[in-house]
Amino acid sequence: MDDFLKFRKMITPVIIQILFWIGVAGSVLGGLIVIATSFGSSGSGAAGFLAGLLMLVLGPVFVRVYCEILILLFKINESLVDIKDNLQK
């Protein structure tokens, strides 16, 4: 609890993991909606279906890469803190 209150322990990586799952759900849901609307009378046909399929497949990948970049910043911070602690010993 002391590390949490003194900002030595970061909670943001946990929040990033939650946002990852929200992003994946949003990508999949968005892709399914685009695919479903491509079959309607005002839909865009094959192009809409392909766009929805790409969103369904590539959306979670892009969300994952973005979240990994964010977590990488926190891993760098943790490594630097470990180096600082070792140098102080």
PDB file of N, CA and C in Angstrom:
ATOM      1  N   MET A   1       0.828  -1.194   0.000  1.00  0.00           N
ATOM      2  CA  MET A   1       0.000   0.000   0.000  1.00  0.00           C
ATOM      3  C   MET A   1       0.869   1.254   0.000  1.00  0.00           C
ATOM      4  N   ASP A   2       2.026   1.177   0.677  1.00  0.00           N
ATOM      5  CA  ASP A   2       2.918   2.322   0.747  1.00  0.00           C
ATOM      6  C   ASP A   2       3.461   2.678  -0.645  1.00  0.00           C
ATOM      7  N   ASP A   3       3.811   1.631  -1.434  1.00  0.00           N
ATOM      8  CA  ASP A   3       4.297   1.889  -2.796  1.00  0.00           C
ATOM      9  C   ASP A   3       3.221   2.533  -3.654  1.00  0.00           C
ATOM     10  N   PHE A   4       1.994   2.117  -3.454  1.00  0.00           N
ATOM     11  CA  PHE A   4       0.881   2.682  -4.226  1.00  0.00           C
ATOM     12  C   PHE A   4       0.676   4.153  -3.893  1.00  0.00           C
ATOM     13  N   LEU A   5       0.725   4.485  -2.613  1.00  0.00           N
ATOM     14  CA  LEU A   5       0.477   5.863  -2.188  1.00  0.00           C
ATOM     15  C   LEU A   5       1.626   6.798  -2.545  1.00  0.00           C
ATOM     16  N   LYS A   6       2.829   6.256  -2.668  1.00  0.00           N
ATOM     17  CA  LYS A   6       3.990   7.080  -3.019  1.00  0.00           C
ATOM     18  C   LYS A   6       4.313   7.020  -4.519  1.00  0.00           C
ATOM     19  N   PHE A   7       3.416   6.455  -5.293  1.00  0.00           N
ATOM     20  CA  PHE A   7       3.530   6.372  -6.751  1.00  0.00           C
ATOM     21  C   PHE A   7       4.753   5.582  -7.202  1.00  0.00           C
ATOM     22  N   ARG A   8       5.184   4.621  -6.409  1.00  0.00           N
ATOM     23  CA  ARG A   8       6.258   3.727  -6.843  1.00  0.00           C
ATOM     24  C   ARG A   8       5.691   2.538  -7.606  1.00  0.00           C
ATOM     25  N   LYS A   9       4.466   2.184  -7.314  1.00  0.00           N
ATOM     26  CA  LYS A   9       3.778   1.095  -8.009  1.00  0.00           C
ATOM     27  C   LYS A   9       2.749   1.712  -8.942  1.00  0.00           C
ATOM     28  N   MET A  10       2.845   1.379 -10.214  1.00  0.00           N
ATOM     29  CA  MET A  10       1.949   1.952 -11.219  1.00  0.00           C
ATOM     30  C   MET A  10       0.705   1.079 -11.390  1.00  0.00           C
ATOM     31  N   ILE A  11      -0.448   1.713 -11.477  1.00  0.00           N
ATOM     32  CA  ILE A  11      -1.684   0.974 -11.744  1.00  0.00           C
ATOM     33  C   ILE A  11      -2.092   1.090 -13.206  1.00  0.00           C
ATOM     34  N   THR A  12      -1.420   1.978 -13.931  1.00  0.00           N
ATOM     35  CA  THR A  12      -1.799   2.200 -15.324  1.00  0.00           C
ATOM     36  C   THR A  12      -1.662   0.957 -16.195  1.00  0.00           C
ATOM     37  N   PRO A  13      -0.640   0.098 -16.016  1.00  0.00           N
ATOM     38  CA  PRO A  13      -0.606  -1.119 -16.833  1.00  0.00           C
ATOM     39  C   PRO A  13      -1.862  -1.979 -16.701  1.00  0.00           C
ATOM     40  N   VAL A  14      -2.444  -2.027 -15.533  1.00  0.00           N
ATOM     41  CA  VAL A  14      -3.695  -2.780 -15.360  1.00  0.00           C
ATOM     42  C   VAL A  14      -4.825  -2.098 -16.130  1.00  0.00           C
ATOM     43  N   ILE A  15      -4.852  -0.778 -16.067  1.00  0.00           N
ATOM     44  CA  ILE A  15      -5.878  -0.021 -16.800  1.00  0.00           C
ATOM     45  C   ILE A  15      -5.695  -0.212 -18.300  1.00  0.00           C
ATOM     46  N   ILE A  16      -4.442  -0.257 -18.760  1.00  0.00           N
ATOM     47  CA  ILE A  16      -4.182  -0.468 -20.187  1.00  0.00           C
ATOM     48  C   ILE A  16      -4.686  -1.839 -20.621  1.00  0.00           C
ATOM     49  N   GLN A  17      -4.540  -2.848 -19.786  1.00  0.00           N
ATOM     50  CA  GLN A  17      -5.053  -4.179 -20.120  1.00  0.00           C
ATOM     51  C   GLN A  17      -6.577  -4.168 -20.233  1.00  0.00           C
ATOM     52  N   ILE A  18      -7.226  -3.433 -19.366  1.00  0.00           N
ATOM     53  CA  ILE A  18      -8.688  -3.320 -19.437  1.00  0.00           C
ATOM     54  C   ILE A  18      -9.086  -2.594 -20.714  1.00  0.00           C
ATOM     55  N   LEU A  19      -8.368  -1.513 -21.034  1.00  0.00           N
ATOM     56  CA  LEU A  19      -8.658  -0.777 -22.268  1.00  0.00           C
ATOM     57  C   LEU A  19      -8.384  -1.630 -23.500  1.00  0.00           C
ATOM     58  N   PHE A  20      -7.406  -2.528 -23.415  1.00  0.00           N
ATOM     59  CA  PHE A  20      -7.145  -3.446 -24.523  1.00  0.00           C
ATOM     60  C   PHE A  20      -8.376  -4.293 -24.820  1.00  0.00           C
ATOM     61  N   TRP A  21      -8.952  -4.877 -23.777  1.00  0.00           N
ATOM     62  CA  TRP A  21     -10.120  -5.739 -23.996  1.00  0.00           C
ATOM     63  C   TRP A  21     -11.325  -4.943 -24.477  1.00  0.00           C
ATOM     64  N   ILE A  22     -11.462  -3.714 -24.008  1.00  0.00           N
ATOM     65  CA  ILE A  22     -12.534  -2.852 -24.507  1.00  0.00           C
ATOM     66  C   ILE A  22     -12.295  -2.540 -25.983  1.00  0.00           C
ATOM     67  N   GLY A  23     -11.043  -2.272 -26.351  1.00  0.00           N
ATOM     68  CA  GLY A  23     -10.700  -1.994 -27.746  1.00  0.00           C
ATOM     69  C   GLY A  23     -10.937  -3.192 -28.647  1.00  0.00           C
ATOM     70  N   VAL A  24     -10.595  -4.383 -28.163  1.00  0.00           N
ATOM     71  CA  VAL A  24     -10.836  -5.601 -28.948  1.00  0.00           C
ATOM     72  C   VAL A  24     -12.331  -5.802 -29.154  1.00  0.00           C
ATOM     73  N   ALA A  25     -13.099  -5.638 -28.084  1.00  0.00           N
ATOM     74  CA  ALA A  25     -14.553  -5.792 -28.204  1.00  0.00           C
ATOM     75  C   ALA A  25     -15.128  -4.759 -29.168  1.00  0.00           C
ATOM     76  N   GLY A  26     -14.639  -3.528 -29.089  1.00  0.00           N
ATOM     77  CA  GLY A  26     -15.107  -2.483 -30.004  1.00  0.00           C
ATOM     78  C   GLY A  26     -14.746  -2.779 -31.447  1.00  0.00           C
ATOM     79  N   SER A  27     -13.546  -3.297 -31.689  1.00  0.00           N
ATOM     80  CA  SER A  27     -13.127  -3.638 -33.049  1.00  0.00           C
ATOM     81  C   SER A  27     -13.971  -4.774 -33.622  1.00  0.00           C
ATOM     82  N   VAL A  28     -14.176  -5.787 -32.811  1.00  0.00           N
ATOM     83  CA  VAL A  28     -14.965  -6.926 -33.282  1.00  0.00           C
ATOM     84  C   VAL A  28     -16.410  -6.509 -33.516  1.00  0.00           C
ATOM     85  N   LEU A  29     -16.978  -5.769 -32.583  1.00  0.00           N
ATOM     86  CA  LEU A  29     -18.358  -5.312 -32.741  1.00  0.00           C
ATOM     87  C   LEU A  29     -18.492  -4.382 -33.944  1.00  0.00           C
ATOM     88  N   GLY A  30     -17.540  -3.467 -34.087  1.00  0.00           N
ATOM     89  CA  GLY A  30     -17.570  -2.558 -35.238  1.00  0.00           C
ATOM     90  C   GLY A  30     -17.444  -3.304 -36.552  1.00  0.00           C
ATOM     91  N   GLY A  31     -16.545  -4.291 -36.595  1.00  0.00           N
ATOM     92  CA  GLY A  31     -16.394  -5.091 -37.810  1.00  0.00           C
ATOM     93  C   GLY A  31     -17.658  -5.857 -38.148  1.00  0.00           C
ATOM     94  N   LEU A  32     -18.303  -6.421 -37.133  1.00  0.00           N
ATOM     95  CA  LEU A  32     -19.551  -7.154 -37.371  1.00  0.00           C
ATOM     96  C   LEU A  32     -20.664  -6.220 -37.840  1.00  0.00           C
ATOM     97  N   ILE A  33     -20.707  -5.011 -37.297  1.00  0.00           N
ATOM     98  CA  ILE A  33     -21.722  -4.042 -37.726  1.00  0.00           C
ATOM     99  C   ILE A  33     -21.492  -3.632 -39.181  1.00  0.00           C
ATOM    100  N   VAL A  34     -20.231  -3.392 -39.541  1.00  0.00           N
ATOM    101  CA  VAL A  34     -19.932  -3.018 -40.928  1.00  0.00           C
ATOM    102  C   VAL A  34     -20.278  -4.158 -41.874  1.00  0.00           C
ATOM    103  N   ILE A  35     -19.976  -5.390 -41.487  1.00  0.00           N
ATOM    104  CA  ILE A  35     -20.325  -6.545 -42.319  1.00  0.00           C
ATOM    105  C   ILE A  35     -21.837  -6.663 -42.452  1.00  0.00           C
ATOM    106  N   ALA A  36     -22.556  -6.492 -41.354  1.00  0.00           N
ATOM    107  CA  ALA A  36     -24.014  -6.618 -41.392  1.00  0.00           C
ATOM    108  C   ALA A  36     -24.643  -5.530 -42.250  1.00  0.00           C
ATOM    109  N   THR A  37     -24.120  -4.305 -42.158  1.00  0.00           N
ATOM    110  CA  THR A  37     -24.706  -3.224 -42.971  1.00  0.00           C
ATOM    111  C   THR A  37     -24.334  -3.335 -44.445  1.00  0.00           C
ATOM    112  N   SER A  38     -23.295  -4.113 -44.753  1.00  0.00           N
ATOM    113  CA  SER A  38     -22.924  -4.263 -46.171  1.00  0.00           C
ATOM    114  C   SER A  38     -23.948  -5.092 -46.931  1.00  0.00           C
ATOM    115  N   PHE A  39     -24.764  -5.861 -46.216  1.00  0.00           N
ATOM    116  CA  PHE A  39     -25.787  -6.672 -46.867  1.00  0.00           C
ATOM    117  C   PHE A  39     -27.098  -5.926 -47.071  1.00  0.00           C
ATOM    118  N   GLY A  40     -27.243  -4.757 -46.447  1.00  0.00           N
ATOM    119  CA  GLY A  40     -28.486  -4.001 -46.558  1.00  0.00           C
ATOM    120  C   GLY A  40     -28.623  -3.331 -47.910  1.00  0.00           C
ATOM    121  N   SER A  41     -29.809  -2.759 -48.159  1.00  0.00           N
ATOM    122  CA  SER A  41     -30.064  -2.109 -49.445  1.00  0.00           C
ATOM    123  C   SER A  41     -29.244  -0.835 -49.625  1.00  0.00           C
ATOM    124  N   SER A  42     -28.914  -0.157 -48.528  1.00  0.00           N
ATOM    125  CA  SER A  42     -28.097   1.047 -48.642  1.00  0.00           C
ATOM    126  C   SER A  42     -26.636   0.754 -48.335  1.00  0.00           C
ATOM    127  N   GLY A  43     -26.285  -0.505 -48.234  1.00  0.00           N
ATOM    128  CA  GLY A  43     -24.915  -0.901 -47.918  1.00  0.00           C
ATOM    129  C   GLY A  43     -23.998  -0.748 -49.115  1.00  0.00           C
ATOM    130  N   SER A  44     -22.723  -0.985 -48.888  1.00  0.00           N
ATOM    131  CA  SER A  44     -21.741  -0.804 -49.946  1.00  0.00           C
ATOM    132  C   SER A  44     -21.302  -2.124 -50.573  1.00  0.00           C
ATOM    133  N   GLY A  45     -21.994  -3.192 -50.286  1.00  0.00           N
ATOM    134  CA  GLY A  45     -21.738  -4.466 -50.929  1.00  0.00           C
ATOM    135  C   GLY A  45     -20.418  -5.097 -50.536  1.00  0.00           C
ATOM    136  N   ALA A  46     -19.680  -5.524 -51.560  1.00  0.00           N
ATOM    137  CA  ALA A  46     -18.439  -6.266 -51.336  1.00  0.00           C
ATOM    138  C   ALA A  46     -17.381  -5.410 -50.638  1.00  0.00           C
ATOM    139  N   ALA A  47     -17.326  -4.135 -50.963  1.00  0.00           N
ATOM    140  CA  ALA A  47     -16.336  -3.255 -50.327  1.00  0.00           C
ATOM    141  C   ALA A  47     -16.618  -3.118 -48.832  1.00  0.00           C
ATOM    142  N   GLY A  48     -17.873  -2.987 -48.472  1.00  0.00           N
ATOM    143  CA  GLY A  48     -18.242  -2.900 -47.064  1.00  0.00           C
ATOM    144  C   GLY A  48     -17.954  -4.194 -46.334  1.00  0.00           C
ATOM    145  N   PHE A  49     -18.227  -5.312 -46.989  1.00  0.00           N
ATOM    146  CA  PHE A  49     -17.945  -6.610 -46.381  1.00  0.00           C
ATOM    147  C   PHE A  49     -16.445  -6.776 -46.150  1.00  0.00           C
ATOM    148  N   LEU A  50     -15.635  -6.399 -47.143  1.00  0.00           N
ATOM    149  CA  LEU A  50     -14.190  -6.505 -47.009  1.00  0.00           C
ATOM    150  C   LEU A  50     -13.662  -5.570 -45.926  1.00  0.00           C
ATOM    151  N   ALA A  51     -14.200  -4.351 -45.864  1.00  0.00           N
ATOM    152  CA  ALA A  51     -13.783  -3.405 -44.829  1.00  0.00           C
ATOM    153  C   ALA A  51     -14.133  -3.945 -43.441  1.00  0.00           C
ATOM    154  N   GLY A  52     -15.305  -4.517 -43.287  1.00  0.00           N
ATOM    155  CA  GLY A  52     -15.703  -5.098 -42.012  1.00  0.00           C
ATOM    156  C   GLY A  52     -14.842  -6.283 -41.630  1.00  0.00           C
ATOM    157  N   LEU A  53     -14.505  -7.092 -42.617  1.00  0.00           N
ATOM    158  CA  LEU A  53     -13.653  -8.245 -42.363  1.00  0.00           C
ATOM    159  C   LEU A  53     -12.248  -7.799 -41.941  1.00  0.00           C
ATOM    160  N   LEU A  54     -11.723  -6.786 -42.613  1.00  0.00           N
ATOM    161  CA  LEU A  54     -10.410  -6.249 -42.233  1.00  0.00           C
ATOM    162  C   LEU A  54     -10.444  -5.644 -40.830  1.00  0.00           C
ATOM    163  N   MET A  55     -11.528  -4.947 -40.510  1.00  0.00           N
ATOM    164  CA  MET A  55     -11.665  -4.372 -39.176  1.00  0.00           C
ATOM    165  C   MET A  55     -11.763  -5.471 -38.129  1.00  0.00           C
ATOM    166  N   LEU A  56     -12.440  -6.529 -38.462  1.00  0.00           N
ATOM    167  CA  LEU A  56     -12.610  -7.661 -37.558  1.00  0.00           C
ATOM    168  C   LEU A  56     -11.279  -8.354 -37.268  1.00  0.00           C
ATOM    169  N   VAL A  57     -10.414  -8.445 -38.288  1.00  0.00           N
ATOM    170  CA  VAL A  57      -9.144  -9.151 -38.140  1.00  0.00           C
ATOM    171  C   VAL A  57      -8.028  -8.221 -37.672  1.00  0.00           C
ATOM    172  N   LEU A  58      -7.892  -7.067 -38.310  1.00  0.00           N
ATOM    173  CA  LEU A  58      -6.766  -6.179 -38.033  1.00  0.00           C
ATOM    174  C   LEU A  58      -7.009  -5.231 -36.858  1.00  0.00           C
ATOM    175  N   GLY A  59      -8.248  -4.964 -36.526  1.00  0.00           N
ATOM    176  CA  GLY A  59      -8.561  -4.068 -35.416  1.00  0.00           C
ATOM    177  C   GLY A  59      -7.937  -4.513 -34.105  1.00  0.00           C
ATOM    178  N   PRO A  60      -8.157  -5.759 -33.695  1.00  0.00           N
ATOM    179  CA  PRO A  60      -7.524  -6.221 -32.449  1.00  0.00           C
ATOM    180  C   PRO A  60      -5.996  -6.212 -32.504  1.00  0.00           C
ATOM    181  N   VAL A  61      -5.432  -6.444 -33.691  1.00  0.00           N
ATOM    182  CA  VAL A  61      -3.973  -6.418 -33.818  1.00  0.00           C
ATOM    183  C   VAL A  61      -3.452  -5.010 -33.559  1.00  0.00           C
ATOM    184  N   PHE A  62      -4.088  -4.004 -34.165  1.00  0.00           N
ATOM    185  CA  PHE A  62      -3.655  -2.623 -33.961  1.00  0.00           C
ATOM    186  C   PHE A  62      -3.850  -2.179 -32.509  1.00  0.00           C
ATOM    187  N   VAL A  63      -4.943  -2.605 -31.897  1.00  0.00           N
ATOM    188  CA  VAL A  63      -5.176  -2.279 -30.486  1.00  0.00           C
ATOM    189  C   VAL A  63      -4.091  -2.914 -29.628  1.00  0.00           C
ATOM    190  N   ARG A  64      -3.724  -4.139 -29.934  1.00  0.00           N
ATOM    191  CA  ARG A  64      -2.676  -4.838 -29.177  1.00  0.00           C
ATOM    192  C   ARG A  64      -1.332  -4.119 -29.304  1.00  0.00           C
ATOM    193  N   VAL A  65      -0.971  -3.735 -30.532  1.00  0.00           N
ATOM    194  CA  VAL A  65       0.304  -3.044 -30.747  1.00  0.00           C
ATOM    195  C   VAL A  65       0.330  -1.724 -29.984  1.00  0.00           C
ATOM    196  N   TYR A  66      -0.751  -0.975 -30.036  1.00  0.00           N
ATOM    197  CA  TYR A  66      -0.820   0.305 -29.326  1.00  0.00           C
ATOM    198  C   TYR A  66      -0.676   0.108 -27.819  1.00  0.00           C
ATOM    199  N   CYS A  67      -1.362  -0.881 -27.285  1.00  0.00           N
ATOM    200  CA  CYS A  67      -1.285  -1.140 -25.841  1.00  0.00           C
ATOM    201  C   CYS A  67       0.105  -1.637 -25.453  1.00  0.00           C
ATOM    202  N   GLU A  68       0.745  -2.429 -26.307  1.00  0.00           N
ATOM    203  CA  GLU A  68       2.091  -2.890 -26.005  1.00  0.00           C
ATOM    204  C   GLU A  68       3.079  -1.726 -25.975  1.00  0.00           C
ATOM    205  N   ILE A  69       2.909  -0.759 -26.853  1.00  0.00           N
ATOM    206  CA  ILE A  69       3.769   0.421 -26.851  1.00  0.00           C
ATOM    207  C   ILE A  69       3.583   1.199 -25.549  1.00  0.00           C
ATOM    208  N   LEU A  70       2.349   1.336 -25.112  1.00  0.00           N
ATOM    209  CA  LEU A  70       2.103   2.032 -23.852  1.00  0.00           C
ATOM    210  C   LEU A  70       2.715   1.290 -22.671  1.00  0.00           C
ATOM    211  N   ILE A  71       2.559  -0.019 -22.628  1.00  0.00           N
ATOM    212  CA  ILE A  71       3.112  -0.799 -21.521  1.00  0.00           C
ATOM    213  C   ILE A  71       4.638  -0.788 -21.578  1.00  0.00           C
ATOM    214  N   LEU A  72       5.195  -0.719 -22.775  1.00  0.00           N
ATOM    215  CA  LEU A  72       6.647  -0.654 -22.914  1.00  0.00           C
ATOM    216  C   LEU A  72       7.215   0.558 -22.180  1.00  0.00           C
ATOM    217  N   LEU A  73       6.518   1.667 -22.234  1.00  0.00           N
ATOM    218  CA  LEU A  73       6.967   2.861 -21.516  1.00  0.00           C
ATOM    219  C   LEU A  73       7.045   2.599 -20.010  1.00  0.00           C
ATOM    220  N   PHE A  74       6.091   1.880 -19.481  1.00  0.00           N
ATOM    221  CA  PHE A  74       6.104   1.559 -18.060  1.00  0.00           C
ATOM    222  C   PHE A  74       7.188   0.531 -17.726  1.00  0.00           C
ATOM    223  N   LYS A  75       7.450  -0.404 -18.629  1.00  0.00           N
ATOM    224  CA  LYS A  75       8.529  -1.369 -18.407  1.00  0.00           C
ATOM    225  C   LYS A  75       9.880  -0.657 -18.393  1.00  0.00           C
ATOM    226  N   ILE A  76      10.053   0.318 -19.274  1.00  0.00           N
ATOM    227  CA  ILE A  76      11.285   1.104 -19.282  1.00  0.00           C
ATOM    228  C   ILE A  76      11.435   1.828 -17.953  1.00  0.00           C
ATOM    229  N   ASN A  77      10.356   2.413 -17.463  1.00  0.00           N
ATOM    230  CA  ASN A  77      10.391   3.105 -16.178  1.00  0.00           C
ATOM    231  C   ASN A  77      10.779   2.146 -15.053  1.00  0.00           C
ATOM    232  N   GLU A  78      10.198   0.958 -15.029  1.00  0.00           N
ATOM    233  CA  GLU A  78      10.531  -0.021 -13.991  1.00  0.00           C
ATOM    234  C   GLU A  78      12.002  -0.422 -14.062  1.00  0.00           C
ATOM    235  N   SER A  79      12.517  -0.602 -15.275  1.00  0.00           N
ATOM    236  CA  SER A  79      13.925  -0.971 -15.433  1.00  0.00           C
ATOM    237  C   SER A  79      14.840   0.141 -14.944  1.00  0.00           C
ATOM    238  N   LEU A  80      14.486   1.365 -15.250  1.00  0.00           N
ATOM    239  CA  LEU A  80      15.297   2.487 -14.790  1.00  0.00           C
ATOM    240  C   LEU A  80      15.278   2.620 -13.273  1.00  0.00           C
ATOM    241  N   VAL A  81      14.133   2.354 -12.664  1.00  0.00           N
ATOM    242  CA  VAL A  81      14.053   2.384 -11.201  1.00  0.00           C
ATOM    243  C   VAL A  81      14.914   1.275 -10.607  1.00  0.00           C
ATOM    244  N   ASP A  82      14.885   0.084 -11.221  1.00  0.00           N
ATOM    245  CA  ASP A  82      15.728  -1.009 -10.734  1.00  0.00           C
ATOM    246  C   ASP A  82      17.218  -0.658 -10.849  1.00  0.00           C
ATOM    247  N   ILE A  83      17.605  -0.051 -11.950  1.00  0.00           N
ATOM    248  CA  ILE A  83      18.994   0.362 -12.141  1.00  0.00           C
ATOM    249  C   ILE A  83      19.382   1.393 -11.092  1.00  0.00           C
ATOM    250  N   LYS A  84      18.494   2.348 -10.847  1.00  0.00           N
ATOM    251  CA  LYS A  84      18.767   3.379  -9.832  1.00  0.00           C
ATOM    252  C   LYS A  84      18.918   2.763  -8.449  1.00  0.00           C
ATOM    253  N   ASP A  85      18.049   1.821  -8.120  1.00  0.00           N
ATOM    254  CA  ASP A  85      18.130   1.157  -6.821  1.00  0.00           C
ATOM    255  C   ASP A  85      19.432   0.364  -6.680  1.00  0.00           C
ATOM    256  N   ASN A  86      19.833  -0.314  -7.748  1.00  0.00           N
ATOM    257  CA  ASN A  86      21.074  -1.081  -7.703  1.00  0.00           C
ATOM    258  C   ASN A  86      22.292  -0.178  -7.581  1.00  0.00           C
ATOM    259  N   LEU A  87      22.259   0.972  -8.219  1.00  0.00           N
ATOM    260  CA  LEU A  87      23.381   1.900  -8.126  1.00  0.00           C
ATOM    261  C   LEU A  87      23.485   2.518  -6.742  1.00  0.00           C
ATOM    262  N   GLN A  88      22.352   2.678  -6.075  1.00  0.00           N
ATOM    263  CA  GLN A  88      22.365   3.253  -4.737  1.00  0.00           C
ATOM    264  C   GLN A  88      22.875   2.268  -3.678  1.00  0.00           C
ATOM    265  N   LYS A  89      22.813   0.977  -3.980  1.00  0.00           N
ATOM    266  CA  LYS A  89      23.276  -0.055  -3.033  1.00  0.00           C
ATOM    267  C   LYS A  89      24.742  -0.081  -3.047  1.00  0.00           C
TER     268      LYS A  89
END
